[in-house]
Amino acid sequence: MLKAFSKLILRTFGWKEFDEIPHNIRKAVVIIAPHTSTWDFVIGRFAYWALGFKPKFLIKSEMFVFPMKGLLNWVGGIPVNRNKSGNMVENVANLFSKHNSLFITITPEGTRQFNPNWKKGFYYIALKAQVPIVIGLLDYKKKIAGFSDVFYPTGDFEKDFKNIEDYYRGRTGKHPENFNLK
């Protein structure tokens, strides 16, 4: 029911979801870009439901207060305390060993505002957990949301990141001025 309802909502607003990743992948870090608006979460969530995925996502722990806490837990939120020092990469990578199937969504820009440097944690989480990176995207110009490819990190961040960036060239966020590629 949720799948059909989500497809209806997306179609009503002119969006189309797509999924080009092999369905034998059971674990992955999913990166989503461009991330320039709060609407990215809403559209992305409906796209996930329409495609039948049940991802988890990292979100600042400050959001886990009543009444949002119950909703965030229901939609797959994992609270992140950004003020506490700790090994986030290690902690998130360890989650993969505790699940048969796990997709953790991360927005590498780390903010909806312009960010000249993407965060690298998503890459090192995938490397440490030995899982692929699924390339997810939202393109407001084409009104498409989904997964375009699977990328296996090699350990050479600079080289791999150039390849990852290529997936996002020509994509348009809701607020294009906030989207950055090197």
N, C-alpha and C. Protein backbone atom coordinates (compact mmCIF):
# COMPACT_ATOMS: atom_id res chain seq x y z
N MET A 1 0.81 -1.20 0.00
CA MET A 1 0.00 0.00 0.00
C MET A 1 0.86 1.27 0.00
N LEU A 2 1.91 1.28 0.85
CA LEU A 2 2.80 2.44 0.93
C LEU A 2 3.53 2.65 -0.39
N LYS A 3 3.91 1.55 -1.04
CA LYS A 3 4.62 1.62 -2.32
C LYS A 3 3.73 2.28 -3.38
N ALA A 4 2.50 1.84 -3.50
CA ALA A 4 1.57 2.39 -4.49
C ALA A 4 1.24 3.85 -4.17
N PHE A 5 1.04 4.16 -2.90
CA PHE A 5 0.73 5.53 -2.48
C PHE A 5 1.91 6.45 -2.82
N SER A 6 3.13 5.97 -2.56
CA SER A 6 4.32 6.78 -2.83
C SER A 6 4.48 7.05 -4.32
N LYS A 7 4.24 6.03 -5.14
CA LYS A 7 4.30 6.22 -6.60
C LYS A 7 3.27 7.26 -7.03
N LEU A 8 2.07 7.19 -6.47
CA LEU A 8 1.01 8.14 -6.81
C LEU A 8 1.42 9.57 -6.43
N ILE A 9 1.97 9.73 -5.25
CA ILE A 9 2.41 11.07 -4.81
C ILE A 9 3.48 11.61 -5.75
N LEU A 10 4.48 10.80 -6.06
CA LEU A 10 5.55 11.24 -6.96
C LEU A 10 4.99 11.63 -8.32
N ARG A 11 4.14 10.79 -8.88
CA ARG A 11 3.56 11.06 -10.21
C ARG A 11 2.71 12.34 -10.20
N THR A 12 1.98 12.53 -9.11
CA THR A 12 1.12 13.72 -8.98
C THR A 12 1.95 14.99 -9.11
N PHE A 13 3.16 14.96 -8.59
CA PHE A 13 4.02 16.15 -8.63
C PHE A 13 5.03 16.10 -9.77
N GLY A 14 4.84 15.15 -10.70
CA GLY A 14 5.66 15.10 -11.91
C GLY A 14 6.99 14.38 -11.77
N TRP A 15 7.22 13.70 -10.65
CA TRP A 15 8.47 13.00 -10.41
C TRP A 15 8.40 11.56 -10.87
N LYS A 16 9.56 11.02 -11.22
CA LYS A 16 9.66 9.62 -11.61
C LYS A 16 10.83 9.01 -10.83
N GLU A 17 10.59 7.85 -10.24
CA GLU A 17 11.66 7.16 -9.53
C GLU A 17 12.30 6.14 -10.48
N PHE A 18 13.57 5.85 -10.23
CA PHE A 18 14.26 4.85 -11.04
C PHE A 18 15.26 4.10 -10.18
N ASP A 19 15.55 2.87 -10.58
CA ASP A 19 16.45 2.02 -9.83
C ASP A 19 17.26 1.20 -10.81
N GLU A 20 18.54 1.52 -10.92
CA GLU A 20 19.42 0.83 -11.86
C GLU A 20 20.50 0.02 -11.15
N ILE A 21 20.26 -0.35 -9.89
CA ILE A 21 21.27 -1.14 -9.18
C ILE A 21 20.84 -2.60 -9.15
N PRO A 22 21.79 -3.52 -9.16
CA PRO A 22 21.45 -4.94 -9.09
C PRO A 22 20.74 -5.26 -7.76
N HIS A 23 19.72 -6.06 -7.83
CA HIS A 23 18.93 -6.35 -6.62
C HIS A 23 19.55 -7.41 -5.72
N ASN A 24 20.73 -7.93 -6.10
CA ASN A 24 21.41 -8.86 -5.21
C ASN A 24 22.27 -8.13 -4.18
N ILE A 25 22.38 -6.83 -4.29
CA ILE A 25 23.12 -6.04 -3.30
C ILE A 25 22.24 -5.91 -2.06
N ARG A 26 22.76 -6.35 -0.93
CA ARG A 26 22.00 -6.34 0.32
C ARG A 26 22.50 -5.29 1.31
N LYS A 27 23.71 -4.78 1.08
CA LYS A 27 24.29 -3.80 1.98
C LYS A 27 25.02 -2.75 1.15
N ALA A 28 24.86 -1.49 1.53
CA ALA A 28 25.56 -0.42 0.82
C ALA A 28 25.44 0.89 1.57
N VAL A 29 26.40 1.76 1.31
CA VAL A 29 26.28 3.16 1.69
C VAL A 29 25.66 3.84 0.48
N VAL A 30 24.55 4.51 0.68
CA VAL A 30 23.87 5.22 -0.40
C VAL A 30 24.15 6.70 -0.23
N ILE A 31 24.74 7.31 -1.26
CA ILE A 31 24.95 8.76 -1.19
C ILE A 31 23.92 9.43 -2.09
N ILE A 32 23.40 10.53 -1.61
CA ILE A 32 22.38 11.28 -2.35
C ILE A 32 22.86 12.71 -2.54
N ALA A 33 22.79 13.16 -3.77
CA ALA A 33 23.13 14.54 -4.11
C ALA A 33 22.34 14.92 -5.37
N PRO A 34 22.19 16.14 -5.68
CA PRO A 34 22.45 17.30 -4.85
C PRO A 34 21.51 17.34 -3.64
N HIS A 35 22.02 17.89 -2.54
CA HIS A 35 21.22 18.05 -1.33
C HIS A 35 21.18 19.55 -1.02
N THR A 36 20.15 20.22 -1.51
CA THR A 36 20.08 21.68 -1.39
C THR A 36 18.79 22.17 -0.74
N SER A 37 17.92 21.25 -0.32
CA SER A 37 16.62 21.66 0.20
C SER A 37 16.08 20.62 1.18
N THR A 38 15.26 21.06 2.11
CA THR A 38 14.56 20.14 3.00
C THR A 38 13.65 19.22 2.20
N TRP A 39 13.16 19.68 1.06
CA TRP A 39 12.29 18.87 0.20
C TRP A 39 13.01 17.63 -0.31
N ASP A 40 14.33 17.63 -0.34
CA ASP A 40 15.09 16.45 -0.78
C ASP A 40 14.72 15.23 0.05
N PHE A 41 14.56 15.44 1.35
CA PHE A 41 14.20 14.33 2.23
C PHE A 41 12.82 13.79 1.87
N VAL A 42 11.87 14.68 1.68
CA VAL A 42 10.49 14.27 1.39
C VAL A 42 10.43 13.50 0.06
N ILE A 43 10.99 14.08 -0.97
CA ILE A 43 10.98 13.42 -2.28
C ILE A 43 11.76 12.11 -2.23
N GLY A 44 12.92 12.15 -1.60
CA GLY A 44 13.75 10.95 -1.48
C GLY A 44 13.05 9.84 -0.72
N ARG A 45 12.36 10.20 0.33
CA ARG A 45 11.64 9.20 1.13
C ARG A 45 10.55 8.54 0.30
N PHE A 46 9.77 9.34 -0.43
CA PHE A 46 8.72 8.76 -1.28
C PHE A 46 9.35 7.88 -2.38
N ALA A 47 10.49 8.29 -2.91
CA ALA A 47 11.16 7.48 -3.94
C ALA A 47 11.61 6.14 -3.35
N TYR A 48 12.19 6.17 -2.16
CA TYR A 48 12.58 4.93 -1.50
C TYR A 48 11.38 4.00 -1.33
N TRP A 49 10.30 4.54 -0.80
CA TRP A 49 9.10 3.72 -0.59
C TRP A 49 8.57 3.19 -1.91
N ALA A 50 8.55 4.02 -2.94
CA ALA A 50 8.04 3.60 -4.25
C ALA A 50 8.89 2.47 -4.83
N LEU A 51 10.18 2.47 -4.51
CA LEU A 51 11.09 1.44 -5.01
C LEU A 51 11.17 0.22 -4.08
N GLY A 52 10.52 0.31 -2.93
CA GLY A 52 10.50 -0.82 -2.00
C GLY A 52 11.73 -0.93 -1.11
N PHE A 53 12.49 0.15 -0.95
CA PHE A 53 13.67 0.15 -0.10
C PHE A 53 13.31 0.63 1.30
N LYS A 54 14.04 0.09 2.29
CA LYS A 54 13.87 0.53 3.67
C LYS A 54 15.24 0.97 4.20
N PRO A 55 15.67 2.14 3.80
CA PRO A 55 17.02 2.59 4.20
C PRO A 55 17.03 3.19 5.60
N LYS A 56 18.22 3.30 6.11
CA LYS A 56 18.50 4.06 7.32
C LYS A 56 19.22 5.33 6.87
N PHE A 57 19.19 6.34 7.67
CA PHE A 57 19.92 7.56 7.32
C PHE A 57 20.42 8.23 8.58
N LEU A 58 21.52 8.93 8.44
CA LEU A 58 22.11 9.65 9.55
C LEU A 58 21.50 11.04 9.61
N ILE A 59 21.14 11.46 10.82
CA ILE A 59 20.56 12.79 10.99
C ILE A 59 20.98 13.32 12.36
N LYS A 60 21.18 14.62 12.43
CA LYS A 60 21.68 15.20 13.68
C LYS A 60 20.75 14.85 14.85
N SER A 61 21.36 14.50 15.96
CA SER A 61 20.62 14.02 17.13
C SER A 61 19.68 15.08 17.70
N GLU A 62 19.96 16.34 17.42
CA GLU A 62 19.08 17.41 17.92
C GLU A 62 17.65 17.28 17.38
N MET A 63 17.50 16.56 16.28
CA MET A 63 16.17 16.39 15.68
C MET A 63 15.34 15.32 16.42
N PHE A 64 15.99 14.49 17.24
CA PHE A 64 15.30 13.39 17.91
C PHE A 64 14.68 13.83 19.23
N VAL A 65 13.72 14.75 19.12
CA VAL A 65 12.93 15.21 20.26
C VAL A 65 11.46 15.09 19.88
N PHE A 66 10.61 15.03 20.90
CA PHE A 66 9.18 14.95 20.64
C PHE A 66 8.73 16.20 19.88
N PRO A 67 7.92 16.07 18.87
CA PRO A 67 7.24 14.89 18.34
C PRO A 67 8.00 14.21 17.20
N MET A 68 9.16 14.75 16.82
CA MET A 68 9.90 14.23 15.66
C MET A 68 10.54 12.87 15.91
N LYS A 69 10.89 12.56 17.14
CA LYS A 69 11.63 11.34 17.45
C LYS A 69 10.93 10.09 16.91
N GLY A 70 9.65 9.93 17.19
CA GLY A 70 8.90 8.76 16.73
C GLY A 70 8.87 8.66 15.21
N LEU A 71 8.63 9.79 14.57
CA LEU A 71 8.60 9.82 13.10
C LEU A 71 9.96 9.47 12.52
N LEU A 72 11.02 10.06 13.06
CA LEU A 72 12.37 9.81 12.55
C LEU A 72 12.77 8.34 12.73
N ASN A 73 12.41 7.75 13.86
CA ASN A 73 12.68 6.32 14.07
C ASN A 73 11.91 5.49 13.04
N TRP A 74 10.66 5.84 12.78
CA TRP A 74 9.82 5.10 11.84
C TRP A 74 10.37 5.14 10.41
N VAL A 75 10.91 6.29 10.01
CA VAL A 75 11.41 6.40 8.64
C VAL A 75 12.88 5.99 8.50
N GLY A 76 13.52 5.53 9.60
CA GLY A 76 14.87 4.98 9.50
C GLY A 76 15.99 5.87 9.98
N GLY A 77 15.68 6.87 10.77
CA GLY A 77 16.71 7.78 11.25
C GLY A 77 17.66 7.15 12.25
N ILE A 78 18.93 7.48 12.12
CA ILE A 78 19.96 7.10 13.09
C ILE A 78 20.54 8.41 13.63
N PRO A 79 20.35 8.69 14.93
CA PRO A 79 20.84 9.96 15.47
C PRO A 79 22.37 10.03 15.50
N VAL A 80 22.88 11.20 15.13
CA VAL A 80 24.32 11.45 15.13
C VAL A 80 24.58 12.67 15.99
N ASN A 81 25.41 12.50 17.02
CA ASN A 81 25.80 13.62 17.87
C ASN A 81 27.02 14.27 17.24
N ARG A 82 26.81 15.38 16.57
CA ARG A 82 27.90 16.04 15.85
C ARG A 82 28.82 16.81 16.78
N ASN A 83 28.41 17.03 18.04
CA ASN A 83 29.23 17.77 18.99
C ASN A 83 30.17 16.87 19.78
N LYS A 84 29.91 15.57 19.79
CA LYS A 84 30.70 14.63 20.56
C LYS A 84 31.79 14.02 19.68
N SER A 85 33.02 14.08 20.17
CA SER A 85 34.09 13.47 19.39
C SER A 85 34.00 11.96 19.56
N GLY A 86 34.26 11.27 18.51
CA GLY A 86 34.19 9.82 18.53
C GLY A 86 34.48 9.32 17.13
N ASN A 87 34.51 8.04 16.99
CA ASN A 87 34.83 7.49 15.69
C ASN A 87 33.56 7.12 14.94
N MET A 88 32.96 8.12 14.31
CA MET A 88 31.70 7.92 13.59
C MET A 88 31.87 6.89 12.48
N VAL A 89 32.95 6.97 11.73
CA VAL A 89 33.18 6.02 10.63
C VAL A 89 33.16 4.60 11.17
N GLU A 90 33.91 4.35 12.22
CA GLU A 90 33.98 3.02 12.83
C GLU A 90 32.60 2.57 13.32
N ASN A 91 31.91 3.45 14.02
CA ASN A 91 30.60 3.10 14.58
C ASN A 91 29.58 2.76 13.50
N VAL A 92 29.52 3.56 12.45
CA VAL A 92 28.56 3.31 11.38
C VAL A 92 28.97 2.07 10.59
N ALA A 93 30.26 1.90 10.32
CA ALA A 93 30.72 0.72 9.59
C ALA A 93 30.37 -0.55 10.35
N ASN A 94 30.44 -0.51 11.67
CA ASN A 94 30.11 -1.69 12.48
C ASN A 94 28.64 -2.08 12.39
N LEU A 95 27.78 -1.13 12.07
CA LEU A 95 26.36 -1.46 11.91
C LEU A 95 26.14 -2.50 10.81
N PHE A 96 26.96 -2.47 9.79
CA PHE A 96 26.79 -3.40 8.67
C PHE A 96 26.98 -4.86 9.10
N SER A 97 27.86 -5.10 10.07
CA SER A 97 28.10 -6.48 10.52
C SER A 97 26.94 -7.01 11.35
N LYS A 98 26.06 -6.13 11.79
CA LYS A 98 24.94 -6.53 12.65
C LYS A 98 23.64 -6.78 11.88
N HIS A 99 23.68 -6.58 10.55
CA HIS A 99 22.46 -6.70 9.74
C HIS A 99 22.71 -7.56 8.51
N ASN A 100 21.69 -8.32 8.11
CA ASN A 100 21.75 -9.08 6.87
C ASN A 100 21.56 -8.18 5.66
N SER A 101 20.79 -7.13 5.85
CA SER A 101 20.53 -6.17 4.79
C SER A 101 20.52 -4.78 5.42
N LEU A 102 21.30 -3.87 4.85
CA LEU A 102 21.36 -2.52 5.41
C LEU A 102 21.80 -1.54 4.33
N PHE A 103 21.01 -0.50 4.16
CA PHE A 103 21.34 0.61 3.27
C PHE A 103 21.33 1.86 4.13
N ILE A 104 22.48 2.49 4.26
CA ILE A 104 22.57 3.72 5.05
C ILE A 104 22.77 4.88 4.08
N THR A 105 21.86 5.82 4.14
CA THR A 105 21.89 6.97 3.24
C THR A 105 22.63 8.13 3.90
N ILE A 106 23.52 8.73 3.13
CA ILE A 106 24.31 9.86 3.60
C ILE A 106 24.32 10.92 2.51
N THR A 107 24.17 12.17 2.91
CA THR A 107 24.33 13.27 1.97
C THR A 107 25.76 13.79 2.14
N PRO A 108 26.63 13.50 1.18
CA PRO A 108 28.04 13.85 1.35
C PRO A 108 28.32 15.35 1.44
N GLU A 109 27.38 16.16 1.00
CA GLU A 109 27.57 17.60 1.15
C GLU A 109 27.49 18.01 2.61
N GLY A 110 26.74 17.21 3.40
CA GLY A 110 26.67 17.44 4.84
C GLY A 110 25.78 18.59 5.25
N THR A 111 25.23 19.31 4.31
CA THR A 111 24.38 20.47 4.59
C THR A 111 23.58 20.81 3.34
N ARG A 112 22.52 21.56 3.53
CA ARG A 112 21.74 22.02 2.37
C ARG A 112 22.32 23.31 1.80
N GLN A 113 23.20 23.93 2.56
CA GLN A 113 23.84 25.17 2.12
C GLN A 113 25.03 24.84 1.23
N PHE A 114 25.55 25.84 0.55
CA PHE A 114 26.75 25.62 -0.26
C PHE A 114 27.89 25.13 0.61
N ASN A 115 28.55 24.08 0.18
CA ASN A 115 29.70 23.54 0.89
C ASN A 115 30.81 23.30 -0.12
N PRO A 116 31.92 24.01 -0.02
CA PRO A 116 32.98 23.85 -1.01
C PRO A 116 33.66 22.47 -0.97
N ASN A 117 33.51 21.75 0.14
CA ASN A 117 34.15 20.44 0.27
C ASN A 117 33.16 19.41 0.80
N TRP A 118 32.97 18.37 0.03
CA TRP A 118 32.10 17.28 0.49
C TRP A 118 32.78 16.54 1.63
N LYS A 119 31.97 15.97 2.52
CA LYS A 119 32.46 15.15 3.61
C LYS A 119 32.99 13.84 3.02
N LYS A 120 33.97 13.25 3.66
CA LYS A 120 34.59 12.01 3.16
C LYS A 120 34.13 10.78 3.94
N GLY A 121 33.41 10.97 5.02
CA GLY A 121 33.02 9.85 5.88
C GLY A 121 32.29 8.73 5.15
N PHE A 122 31.40 9.07 4.22
CA PHE A 122 30.65 8.05 3.49
C PHE A 122 31.60 7.07 2.82
N TYR A 123 32.68 7.60 2.26
CA TYR A 123 33.65 6.78 1.53
C TYR A 123 34.35 5.82 2.48
N TYR A 124 34.81 6.36 3.61
CA TYR A 124 35.56 5.54 4.55
C TYR A 124 34.67 4.55 5.29
N ILE A 125 33.40 4.88 5.46
CA ILE A 125 32.45 3.91 6.03
C ILE A 125 32.32 2.71 5.08
N ALA A 126 32.12 2.98 3.80
CA ALA A 126 31.98 1.91 2.81
C ALA A 126 33.25 1.07 2.74
N LEU A 127 34.39 1.73 2.75
CA LEU A 127 35.68 1.02 2.68
C LEU A 127 35.86 0.12 3.91
N LYS A 128 35.61 0.67 5.09
CA LYS A 128 35.78 -0.08 6.35
C LYS A 128 34.80 -1.24 6.43
N ALA A 129 33.55 -1.02 6.01
CA ALA A 129 32.52 -2.06 6.10
C ALA A 129 32.61 -3.04 4.93
N GLN A 130 33.43 -2.71 3.94
CA GLN A 130 33.58 -3.52 2.72
C GLN A 130 32.24 -3.70 2.00
N VAL A 131 31.58 -2.56 1.82
CA VAL A 131 30.31 -2.54 1.08
C VAL A 131 30.43 -1.51 -0.05
N PRO A 132 29.62 -1.65 -1.09
CA PRO A 132 29.68 -0.68 -2.18
C PRO A 132 29.01 0.64 -1.81
N ILE A 133 29.26 1.62 -2.64
CA ILE A 133 28.58 2.91 -2.56
C ILE A 133 27.56 2.94 -3.68
N VAL A 134 26.30 3.13 -3.31
CA VAL A 134 25.24 3.28 -4.31
C VAL A 134 25.08 4.76 -4.59
N ILE A 135 25.10 5.11 -5.87
CA ILE A 135 24.98 6.50 -6.28
C ILE A 135 23.49 6.83 -6.42
N GLY A 136 23.00 7.64 -5.49
CA GLY A 136 21.62 8.08 -5.53
C GLY A 136 21.55 9.53 -5.91
N LEU A 137 20.47 9.92 -6.56
CA LEU A 137 20.39 11.32 -6.95
C LEU A 137 18.96 11.82 -6.99
N LEU A 138 18.89 13.12 -6.84
CA LEU A 138 17.66 13.88 -7.02
C LEU A 138 17.97 14.94 -8.06
N ASP A 139 17.21 14.98 -9.12
CA ASP A 139 17.42 15.99 -10.15
C ASP A 139 16.12 16.75 -10.34
N TYR A 140 16.09 17.98 -9.85
CA TYR A 140 14.86 18.78 -9.89
C TYR A 140 14.52 19.23 -11.31
N LYS A 141 15.51 19.39 -12.15
CA LYS A 141 15.23 19.82 -13.52
C LYS A 141 14.53 18.70 -14.30
N LYS A 142 15.04 17.48 -14.15
CA LYS A 142 14.45 16.34 -14.85
C LYS A 142 13.35 15.66 -14.03
N LYS A 143 13.23 16.04 -12.77
CA LYS A 143 12.27 15.46 -11.82
C LYS A 143 12.41 13.94 -11.75
N ILE A 144 13.64 13.52 -11.48
CA ILE A 144 13.92 12.10 -11.28
C ILE A 144 14.60 11.90 -9.93
N ALA A 145 14.29 10.78 -9.30
CA ALA A 145 14.88 10.43 -8.02
C ALA A 145 15.13 8.94 -8.01
N GLY A 146 16.35 8.55 -7.61
CA GLY A 146 16.62 7.12 -7.55
C GLY A 146 18.08 6.80 -7.47
N PHE A 147 18.41 5.62 -7.97
CA PHE A 147 19.76 5.07 -7.86
C PHE A 147 20.31 4.82 -9.25
N SER A 148 21.47 5.41 -9.54
CA SER A 148 21.99 5.32 -10.90
C SER A 148 23.11 4.31 -11.09
N ASP A 149 23.84 3.97 -10.04
CA ASP A 149 24.96 3.06 -10.23
C ASP A 149 25.50 2.58 -8.89
N VAL A 150 26.41 1.62 -8.98
CA VAL A 150 27.09 1.08 -7.81
C VAL A 150 28.58 1.32 -8.01
N PHE A 151 29.23 1.81 -6.98
CA PHE A 151 30.65 2.12 -7.04
C PHE A 151 31.36 1.37 -5.91
N TYR A 152 32.43 0.67 -6.24
CA TYR A 152 33.21 -0.05 -5.24
C TYR A 152 34.48 0.74 -4.93
N PRO A 153 34.62 1.24 -3.71
CA PRO A 153 35.80 2.04 -3.38
C PRO A 153 37.08 1.20 -3.44
N THR A 154 38.14 1.81 -3.95
CA THR A 154 39.42 1.12 -4.12
C THR A 154 40.41 1.42 -3.00
N GLY A 155 40.14 2.49 -2.24
CA GLY A 155 41.09 2.95 -1.24
C GLY A 155 41.86 4.18 -1.69
N ASP A 156 41.77 4.52 -2.96
CA ASP A 156 42.39 5.73 -3.50
C ASP A 156 41.30 6.80 -3.58
N PHE A 157 41.13 7.54 -2.47
CA PHE A 157 40.02 8.48 -2.38
C PHE A 157 40.01 9.49 -3.51
N GLU A 158 41.13 10.12 -3.79
CA GLU A 158 41.17 11.18 -4.81
C GLU A 158 40.69 10.67 -6.17
N LYS A 159 41.21 9.54 -6.59
CA LYS A 159 40.81 8.96 -7.87
C LYS A 159 39.34 8.54 -7.85
N ASP A 160 38.94 7.86 -6.79
CA ASP A 160 37.55 7.39 -6.69
C ASP A 160 36.58 8.56 -6.64
N PHE A 161 36.96 9.62 -5.90
CA PHE A 161 36.04 10.75 -5.77
C PHE A 161 35.82 11.44 -7.10
N LYS A 162 36.83 11.50 -7.94
CA LYS A 162 36.65 12.08 -9.28
C LYS A 162 35.61 11.27 -10.06
N ASN A 163 35.65 9.95 -9.94
CA ASN A 163 34.65 9.10 -10.60
C ASN A 163 33.26 9.31 -10.02
N ILE A 164 33.18 9.44 -8.71
CA ILE A 164 31.89 9.66 -8.06
C ILE A 164 31.30 11.00 -8.51
N GLU A 165 32.13 12.03 -8.55
CA GLU A 165 31.67 13.35 -8.99
C GLU A 165 31.05 13.30 -10.38
N ASP A 166 31.62 12.49 -11.26
CA ASP A 166 31.11 12.41 -12.63
C ASP A 166 29.65 11.97 -12.70
N TYR A 167 29.22 11.17 -11.74
CA TYR A 167 27.81 10.75 -11.72
C TYR A 167 26.88 11.94 -11.51
N TYR A 168 27.39 12.96 -10.85
CA TYR A 168 26.55 14.10 -10.48
C TYR A 168 26.66 15.31 -11.41
N ARG A 169 27.55 15.25 -12.35
CA ARG A 169 27.68 16.38 -13.29
C ARG A 169 26.39 16.53 -14.08
N GLY A 170 25.93 17.74 -14.21
CA GLY A 170 24.71 18.01 -14.96
C GLY A 170 23.43 17.80 -14.17
N ARG A 171 23.53 17.48 -12.89
CA ARG A 171 22.35 17.30 -12.04
C ARG A 171 21.98 18.64 -11.42
N THR A 172 20.71 18.84 -11.19
CA THR A 172 20.24 20.12 -10.69
C THR A 172 19.49 19.95 -9.38
N GLY A 173 19.97 20.62 -8.35
CA GLY A 173 19.29 20.63 -7.06
C GLY A 173 18.15 21.64 -7.08
N LYS A 174 17.32 21.60 -6.06
CA LYS A 174 16.22 22.58 -5.96
C LYS A 174 16.79 23.99 -5.92
N HIS A 175 17.90 24.15 -5.23
CA HIS A 175 18.61 25.43 -5.18
C HIS A 175 20.00 25.21 -5.79
N PRO A 176 20.10 25.30 -7.13
CA PRO A 176 21.34 24.96 -7.83
C PRO A 176 22.57 25.72 -7.31
N GLU A 177 22.38 26.92 -6.82
CA GLU A 177 23.51 27.71 -6.34
C GLU A 177 24.17 27.08 -5.10
N ASN A 178 23.47 26.15 -4.44
CA ASN A 178 24.01 25.50 -3.26
C ASN A 178 24.71 24.17 -3.56
N PHE A 179 24.71 23.76 -4.83
CA PHE A 179 25.33 22.48 -5.19
C PHE A 179 26.73 22.71 -5.69
N ASN A 180 27.68 21.95 -5.16
CA ASN A 180 29.08 22.14 -5.51
C ASN A 180 29.71 20.84 -5.99
N LEU A 181 30.37 20.92 -7.10
CA LEU A 181 31.29 19.87 -7.55
C LEU A 181 32.62 20.56 -7.80
N LYS A 182 33.71 19.89 -7.46
CA LYS A 182 35.04 20.50 -7.65
C LYS A 182 35.34 20.69 -9.10
